[in-house]
Amino acid sequence: MTTLILGAGAMGSLFAAGLARAGLPIAIYDPDRSRIAAIRERGLLLTEGETELCFAVDAYHRLASIPRPERLLLLVKSHHTAQA
């Protein structure tokens, strides 16, 4: 059951890392190509105190290329909500 997170900013990345940590399949979307490229290259880094964890997630910058998710989390700034 894939969860798609729209918005790869601070909150979107935090939720994506947390859900990936729980073993759930995650996809993340953001229109910022450089942000998505960094996530694809390095994964999502979650730092807890002295511990750093890295999670690989599917990352997209084009909506048309995303397989249909079963769940959606909308984590964008309020002024982007209508567009999202």
N, C-alpha and C. Protein backbone atom coordinates (compact mmCIF):
# COMPACT_ATOMS: atom_id res chain seq x y z
N MET A 1 0.84 -1.16 0.00
CA MET A 1 0.00 0.00 0.00
C MET A 1 0.90 1.24 0.00
N THR A 2 1.05 1.89 -1.14
CA THR A 2 1.96 3.03 -1.25
C THR A 2 1.29 4.31 -0.76
N THR A 3 2.05 5.06 0.00
CA THR A 3 1.64 6.38 0.44
C THR A 3 2.43 7.41 -0.34
N LEU A 4 1.73 8.35 -0.96
CA LEU A 4 2.37 9.44 -1.68
C LEU A 4 2.33 10.68 -0.80
N ILE A 5 3.47 11.32 -0.66
CA ILE A 5 3.55 12.57 0.08
C ILE A 5 3.80 13.68 -0.93
N LEU A 6 2.86 14.60 -1.01
CA LEU A 6 3.01 15.77 -1.87
C LEU A 6 3.68 16.86 -1.06
N GLY A 7 4.91 17.18 -1.44
CA GLY A 7 5.68 18.20 -0.74
C GLY A 7 6.86 17.57 -0.03
N ALA A 8 8.07 17.87 -0.53
CA ALA A 8 9.28 17.27 0.03
C ALA A 8 10.06 18.26 0.88
N GLY A 9 9.35 19.21 1.46
CA GLY A 9 10.00 20.16 2.36
C GLY A 9 10.27 19.50 3.70
N ALA A 10 10.43 20.32 4.73
CA ALA A 10 10.78 19.81 6.05
C ALA A 10 9.75 18.81 6.58
N MET A 11 8.48 19.19 6.57
CA MET A 11 7.46 18.30 7.12
C MET A 11 7.22 17.08 6.24
N GLY A 12 7.18 17.27 4.93
CA GLY A 12 7.00 16.14 4.02
C GLY A 12 8.12 15.12 4.15
N SER A 13 9.35 15.62 4.23
CA SER A 13 10.50 14.73 4.38
C SER A 13 10.49 14.03 5.73
N LEU A 14 10.10 14.74 6.78
CA LEU A 14 10.03 14.13 8.11
C LEU A 14 8.99 13.00 8.13
N PHE A 15 7.81 13.25 7.59
CA PHE A 15 6.78 12.22 7.55
C PHE A 15 7.21 11.06 6.66
N ALA A 16 7.84 11.34 5.52
CA ALA A 16 8.29 10.28 4.62
C ALA A 16 9.33 9.39 5.31
N ALA A 17 10.28 10.00 5.99
CA ALA A 17 11.30 9.22 6.70
C ALA A 17 10.67 8.38 7.81
N GLY A 18 9.75 8.96 8.55
CA GLY A 18 9.09 8.23 9.63
C GLY A 18 8.29 7.05 9.14
N LEU A 19 7.56 7.24 8.05
CA LEU A 19 6.77 6.14 7.49
C LEU A 19 7.67 5.08 6.87
N ALA A 20 8.75 5.52 6.21
CA ALA A 20 9.70 4.55 5.65
C ALA A 20 10.37 3.75 6.77
N ARG A 21 10.66 4.42 7.87
CA ARG A 21 11.25 3.74 9.03
C ARG A 21 10.32 2.65 9.56
N ALA A 22 9.02 2.90 9.46
CA ALA A 22 8.03 1.91 9.91
C ALA A 22 7.83 0.78 8.90
N GLY A 23 8.54 0.88 7.78
CA GLY A 23 8.47 -0.19 6.79
C GLY A 23 7.42 -0.01 5.72
N LEU A 24 6.81 1.16 5.65
CA LEU A 24 5.77 1.40 4.65
C LEU A 24 6.39 1.87 3.34
N PRO A 25 5.82 1.44 2.21
CA PRO A 25 6.31 1.94 0.91
C PRO A 25 5.89 3.39 0.73
N ILE A 26 6.87 4.23 0.42
CA ILE A 26 6.65 5.67 0.34
C ILE A 26 7.09 6.20 -1.02
N ALA A 27 6.31 7.12 -1.54
CA ALA A 27 6.71 7.92 -2.70
C ALA A 27 6.57 9.37 -2.29
N ILE A 28 7.45 10.22 -2.78
CA ILE A 28 7.41 11.63 -2.44
C ILE A 28 7.48 12.45 -3.72
N TYR A 29 6.70 13.52 -3.78
CA TYR A 29 6.66 14.39 -4.96
C TYR A 29 7.00 15.81 -4.55
N ASP A 30 7.77 16.47 -5.39
CA ASP A 30 8.03 17.90 -5.25
C ASP A 30 8.40 18.41 -6.64
N PRO A 31 7.94 19.59 -7.03
CA PRO A 31 8.27 20.11 -8.36
C PRO A 31 9.72 20.58 -8.48
N ASP A 32 10.42 20.68 -7.36
CA ASP A 32 11.81 21.13 -7.36
C ASP A 32 12.72 19.97 -7.78
N ARG A 33 13.22 20.03 -9.01
CA ARG A 33 14.04 18.94 -9.54
C ARG A 33 15.30 18.70 -8.73
N SER A 34 15.93 19.76 -8.25
CA SER A 34 17.17 19.58 -7.50
C SER A 34 16.91 18.89 -6.16
N ARG A 35 15.79 19.20 -5.53
CA ARG A 35 15.44 18.54 -4.27
C ARG A 35 15.19 17.06 -4.49
N ILE A 36 14.44 16.75 -5.54
CA ILE A 36 14.14 15.34 -5.85
C ILE A 36 15.42 14.60 -6.25
N ALA A 37 16.30 15.26 -7.00
CA ALA A 37 17.57 14.63 -7.38
C ALA A 37 18.39 14.30 -6.14
N ALA A 38 18.41 15.19 -5.17
CA ALA A 38 19.16 14.94 -3.93
C ALA A 38 18.56 13.77 -3.15
N ILE A 39 17.23 13.69 -3.10
CA ILE A 39 16.58 12.58 -2.40
C ILE A 39 16.87 11.27 -3.11
N ARG A 40 16.84 11.27 -4.44
CA ARG A 40 17.14 10.06 -5.19
C ARG A 40 18.59 9.63 -4.97
N GLU A 41 19.49 10.59 -4.94
CA GLU A 41 20.92 10.29 -4.82
C GLU A 41 21.31 9.87 -3.41
N ARG A 42 20.80 10.58 -2.40
CA ARG A 42 21.26 10.35 -1.03
C ARG A 42 20.21 9.75 -0.11
N GLY A 43 18.94 9.72 -0.52
CA GLY A 43 17.88 9.25 0.35
C GLY A 43 17.47 10.35 1.32
N LEU A 44 16.59 10.02 2.23
CA LEU A 44 16.15 10.96 3.26
C LEU A 44 16.92 10.68 4.53
N LEU A 45 17.55 11.69 5.07
CA LEU A 45 18.35 11.54 6.27
C LEU A 45 17.55 12.01 7.47
N LEU A 46 17.45 11.15 8.46
CA LEU A 46 16.75 11.46 9.71
C LEU A 46 17.78 11.43 10.83
N THR A 47 17.92 12.54 11.54
CA THR A 47 18.88 12.62 12.62
C THR A 47 18.14 12.67 13.95
N GLU A 48 18.50 11.75 14.83
CA GLU A 48 17.93 11.70 16.18
C GLU A 48 19.09 11.69 17.17
N GLY A 49 19.37 12.85 17.76
CA GLY A 49 20.52 12.93 18.66
C GLY A 49 21.79 12.67 17.89
N GLU A 50 22.52 11.65 18.29
CA GLU A 50 23.78 11.28 17.63
C GLU A 50 23.57 10.27 16.50
N THR A 51 22.35 9.79 16.35
CA THR A 51 22.07 8.74 15.37
C THR A 51 21.55 9.34 14.07
N GLU A 52 22.13 8.91 12.95
CA GLU A 52 21.65 9.31 11.64
C GLU A 52 21.15 8.07 10.90
N LEU A 53 19.93 8.15 10.40
CA LEU A 53 19.32 7.07 9.64
C LEU A 53 19.02 7.58 8.24
N CYS A 54 19.21 6.75 7.25
CA CYS A 54 18.95 7.14 5.87
C CYS A 54 17.92 6.19 5.27
N PHE A 55 16.94 6.76 4.56
CA PHE A 55 15.87 5.95 3.99
C PHE A 55 15.75 6.22 2.49
N ALA A 56 15.70 5.16 1.73
CA ALA A 56 15.46 5.26 0.30
C ALA A 56 13.96 5.30 0.06
N VAL A 57 13.51 6.28 -0.68
CA VAL A 57 12.10 6.39 -1.05
C VAL A 57 12.03 6.71 -2.54
N ASP A 58 10.91 6.36 -3.16
CA ASP A 58 10.69 6.76 -4.55
C ASP A 58 10.43 8.26 -4.56
N ALA A 59 11.13 8.98 -5.44
CA ALA A 59 11.01 10.44 -5.47
C ALA A 59 10.72 10.90 -6.90
N TYR A 60 9.77 11.80 -7.02
CA TYR A 60 9.30 12.25 -8.34
C TYR A 60 9.20 13.77 -8.40
N HIS A 61 9.48 14.33 -9.59
CA HIS A 61 9.25 15.75 -9.80
C HIS A 61 8.21 15.99 -10.90
N ARG A 62 7.71 14.91 -11.49
CA ARG A 62 6.63 15.01 -12.48
C ARG A 62 5.46 14.16 -12.01
N LEU A 63 4.31 14.77 -11.87
CA LEU A 63 3.13 14.04 -11.38
C LEU A 63 2.72 12.91 -12.31
N ALA A 64 2.88 13.12 -13.61
CA ALA A 64 2.45 12.11 -14.58
C ALA A 64 3.21 10.80 -14.45
N SER A 65 4.39 10.83 -13.84
CA SER A 65 5.21 9.62 -13.75
C SER A 65 4.97 8.82 -12.47
N ILE A 66 4.09 9.29 -11.59
CA ILE A 66 3.86 8.63 -10.31
C ILE A 66 2.79 7.56 -10.45
N PRO A 67 3.09 6.33 -10.04
CA PRO A 67 2.04 5.30 -10.01
C PRO A 67 0.94 5.71 -9.02
N ARG A 68 -0.26 5.29 -9.27
CA ARG A 68 -1.39 5.67 -8.42
C ARG A 68 -1.18 5.18 -6.98
N PRO A 69 -1.15 6.10 -6.02
CA PRO A 69 -0.97 5.69 -4.62
C PRO A 69 -2.29 5.25 -4.00
N GLU A 70 -2.18 4.58 -2.87
CA GLU A 70 -3.38 4.18 -2.14
C GLU A 70 -3.70 5.18 -1.04
N ARG A 71 -2.69 5.96 -0.64
CA ARG A 71 -2.89 7.03 0.36
C ARG A 71 -2.15 8.27 -0.10
N LEU A 72 -2.63 9.42 0.33
CA LEU A 72 -2.01 10.68 -0.02
C LEU A 72 -1.90 11.57 1.21
N LEU A 73 -0.72 12.09 1.45
CA LEU A 73 -0.51 13.10 2.49
C LEU A 73 -0.13 14.39 1.79
N LEU A 74 -0.88 15.43 2.04
CA LEU A 74 -0.63 16.72 1.43
C LEU A 74 0.10 17.58 2.44
N LEU A 75 1.39 17.80 2.21
CA LEU A 75 2.21 18.55 3.14
C LEU A 75 2.91 19.69 2.40
N VAL A 76 2.09 20.65 1.98
CA VAL A 76 2.59 21.83 1.28
C VAL A 76 2.24 23.07 2.09
N LYS A 77 2.88 24.16 1.75
CA LYS A 77 2.55 25.43 2.40
C LYS A 77 1.10 25.78 2.06
N SER A 78 0.44 26.47 2.95
CA SER A 78 -1.00 26.75 2.77
C SER A 78 -1.29 27.48 1.47
N HIS A 79 -0.41 28.35 1.03
CA HIS A 79 -0.67 29.08 -0.22
C HIS A 79 -0.49 28.21 -1.47
N HIS A 80 0.00 26.97 -1.32
CA HIS A 80 0.12 26.03 -2.44
C HIS A 80 -0.98 24.97 -2.42
N THR A 81 -1.86 25.01 -1.44
CA THR A 81 -2.87 23.96 -1.29
C THR A 81 -3.79 23.83 -2.50
N ALA A 82 -4.30 24.93 -2.99
CA ALA A 82 -5.23 24.87 -4.15
C ALA A 82 -4.55 24.27 -5.36
N GLN A 83 -3.32 24.65 -5.62
CA GLN A 83 -2.58 24.12 -6.76
C GLN A 83 -2.31 22.63 -6.58
N ALA A 84 -1.98 22.23 -5.36
CA ALA A 84 -1.69 20.82 -5.09
C ALA A 84 -2.94 19.99 -5.28
